[in-house]
Protein backbone atom coordinates (compact mmCIF):
# COMPACT_ATOMS: atom_id res chain seq x y z
CA UNK A 1 120.38 -18.70 -74.76
CA UNK A 2 123.23 -16.43 -74.01
CA UNK A 3 123.73 -15.01 -70.26
CA UNK A 4 124.62 -11.08 -69.68
CA UNK A 5 128.48 -10.75 -68.14
CA UNK A 6 128.18 -9.92 -64.62
CA UNK A 7 129.49 -6.83 -63.44
CA UNK A 8 132.85 -6.79 -61.51
CA UNK A 9 132.00 -5.14 -57.89
CA UNK A 10 134.58 -2.10 -59.29
CA UNK A 11 132.37 -1.94 -62.71
CA UNK A 12 129.04 -1.91 -60.31
CA UNK A 13 130.37 0.76 -58.44
CA UNK A 14 131.57 2.95 -61.24
CA UNK A 15 127.60 2.62 -62.90
CA UNK A 16 126.27 3.50 -59.68
CA UNK A 17 128.14 6.49 -59.42
CA UNK A 18 127.49 7.56 -63.07
CA UNK A 19 123.70 7.27 -62.56
CA UNK A 20 123.71 9.19 -59.13
CA UNK A 21 125.93 11.80 -61.36
CA UNK A 22 128.81 11.78 -59.01
CA UNK A 23 131.48 12.69 -61.36
CA UNK A 24 134.71 13.66 -59.26
CA UNK A 25 135.55 11.85 -55.92
CA UNK A 26 139.09 12.56 -54.48
CA UNK A 27 140.35 11.14 -51.33
CA UNK A 28 143.20 12.94 -49.71
CA UNK A 29 145.77 11.18 -48.30
CA UNK A 30 149.12 12.04 -46.10
CA UNK A 31 150.30 12.66 -42.55
CA UNK A 32 147.97 14.44 -40.19
CA UNK A 33 150.84 16.23 -39.11
CA UNK A 34 149.24 18.07 -42.47
CA UNK A 35 145.87 18.26 -41.19
CA UNK A 36 145.45 21.93 -41.69
CA UNK A 37 146.99 21.66 -45.42
CA UNK A 38 144.57 19.09 -45.96
CA UNK A 39 141.52 21.20 -44.70
CA UNK A 40 142.77 23.61 -47.44
CA UNK A 41 143.10 21.42 -50.29
CA UNK A 42 139.84 19.94 -49.37
CA UNK A 43 138.23 23.74 -50.25
CA UNK A 44 139.95 23.78 -53.46
CA UNK A 45 139.23 20.64 -54.58
CA UNK A 46 135.35 21.45 -53.29
CA UNK A 47 135.20 24.37 -55.24
CA UNK A 48 136.78 22.74 -58.16
CA UNK A 49 133.73 20.38 -58.17
CA UNK A 50 135.21 17.31 -56.33
CA UNK A 51 133.15 15.41 -53.42
CA UNK A 52 136.15 15.40 -50.82
CA UNK A 53 136.71 12.44 -48.75
CA UNK A 54 139.57 12.78 -46.07
CA UNK A 55 141.13 11.33 -42.55
CA UNK A 56 138.95 13.25 -40.01
CA UNK A 57 140.29 11.76 -36.77
CA UNK A 58 143.52 13.12 -36.06
CA UNK A 59 145.30 10.64 -33.10
CA UNK A 60 147.91 12.98 -32.57
CA UNK A 61 146.06 15.08 -30.72
CA UNK A 62 144.69 13.82 -27.09
CA UNK A 63 141.23 12.71 -26.92
CA UNK A 64 139.46 10.34 -24.13
CA UNK A 65 138.19 7.96 -26.96
CA UNK A 66 141.71 6.81 -27.44
CA UNK A 67 143.48 7.97 -24.23
CA UNK A 68 143.84 4.06 -23.61
CA UNK A 69 146.60 2.44 -25.62
CA UNK A 70 144.47 -0.62 -26.22
CA UNK A 71 141.62 1.22 -27.23
CA UNK A 72 143.80 3.49 -29.32
CA UNK A 73 145.34 0.34 -31.36
CA UNK A 74 141.72 -0.72 -32.13
CA UNK A 75 140.51 2.24 -33.60
CA UNK A 76 143.64 3.06 -35.55
CA UNK A 77 143.22 -0.17 -37.10
CA UNK A 78 139.58 0.67 -37.88
CA UNK A 79 140.22 4.33 -39.06
CA UNK A 80 142.88 2.39 -41.24
CA UNK A 81 140.44 0.02 -42.88
CA UNK A 82 137.86 3.30 -43.59
CA UNK A 83 140.24 5.04 -45.27
CA UNK A 84 141.12 1.85 -47.55
CA UNK A 85 137.02 2.29 -47.96
CA UNK A 86 137.26 5.74 -49.22
CA UNK A 87 140.51 5.00 -51.26
CA UNK A 88 138.02 2.45 -53.04
CA UNK A 89 135.42 4.45 -53.55
CA UNK A 90 137.31 7.41 -54.74
CA UNK A 91 138.16 8.21 -58.77
CA UNK A 92 141.87 9.32 -57.58
CA UNK A 93 143.96 9.99 -54.65
CA UNK A 94 145.91 13.36 -53.44
CA UNK A 95 148.60 12.82 -51.16
CA UNK A 96 149.18 16.07 -49.09
CA UNK A 97 152.14 17.22 -47.58
CA UNK A 98 156.30 17.03 -47.94
CA UNK A 99 156.38 14.01 -45.86
CA UNK A 100 155.40 10.45 -46.25
CA UNK A 101 155.40 8.12 -43.53
CA UNK A 102 154.47 4.03 -43.48
CA UNK A 103 151.10 4.42 -43.12
CA UNK A 104 150.56 6.76 -46.09
CA UNK A 105 153.01 4.69 -48.31
CA UNK A 106 150.68 1.79 -47.44
CA UNK A 107 147.57 4.24 -48.96
CA UNK A 108 149.44 4.90 -51.91
CA UNK A 109 150.70 1.29 -52.90
CA UNK A 110 146.84 0.28 -51.94
CA UNK A 111 145.50 3.25 -54.61
CA UNK A 112 148.23 1.80 -56.92
CA UNK A 113 146.79 -1.92 -56.87
CA UNK A 114 143.49 -0.39 -57.46
CA UNK A 115 144.68 1.45 -60.47
CA UNK A 116 143.72 4.97 -58.84
CA UNK A 117 145.41 7.86 -60.18
CA UNK A 118 147.59 9.26 -57.33
CA UNK A 119 149.03 12.95 -57.51
CA UNK A 120 151.10 14.70 -54.57
CA UNK A 121 151.05 18.33 -53.71
CA UNK A 122 154.63 17.76 -53.31
CA UNK A 123 155.42 15.41 -56.18
CA UNK A 124 159.39 15.30 -54.80
CA UNK A 125 158.26 13.00 -52.17
CA UNK A 126 156.45 10.07 -54.52
CA UNK A 127 157.48 7.04 -53.12
CA UNK A 128 157.93 5.45 -56.82
CA UNK A 129 156.04 3.61 -59.35
CA UNK A 130 155.28 6.25 -61.24
CA UNK A 131 152.61 3.88 -63.48
CA UNK A 132 148.97 5.41 -63.13
CA UNK A 133 150.37 8.98 -61.36
CA UNK A 134 148.17 11.95 -62.50
CA UNK A 135 148.66 15.52 -61.66
CA UNK A 136 145.66 17.79 -61.80
């Protein structure tokens, strides 16, 4: 008797997205100093048919939720993990902006480790490792 091969979590996710008709999920990455540009890119991607995931909390803007430094650090850790979840859900990554900081560099490396295509609104800032890079 043969047993069916079990699907990896990545294969299960791809199969589920296909069954649900979810065809193009893009996650936007980049410094929140480019929040306005991210909003514009999200509009363009949405009109083109993509389901857009992006960071939604700009911790550079003062808010009571993260006024306390200890709270701010815990929130940043949680938001970073949520963004990695968005990267795992995405079919591709689009890095927005003309500057790549440590956090965005880490997200790019993570996406590339997962085999996600990574494109840049400003290709000259690509920190390297061009394998898997896709332009749209």
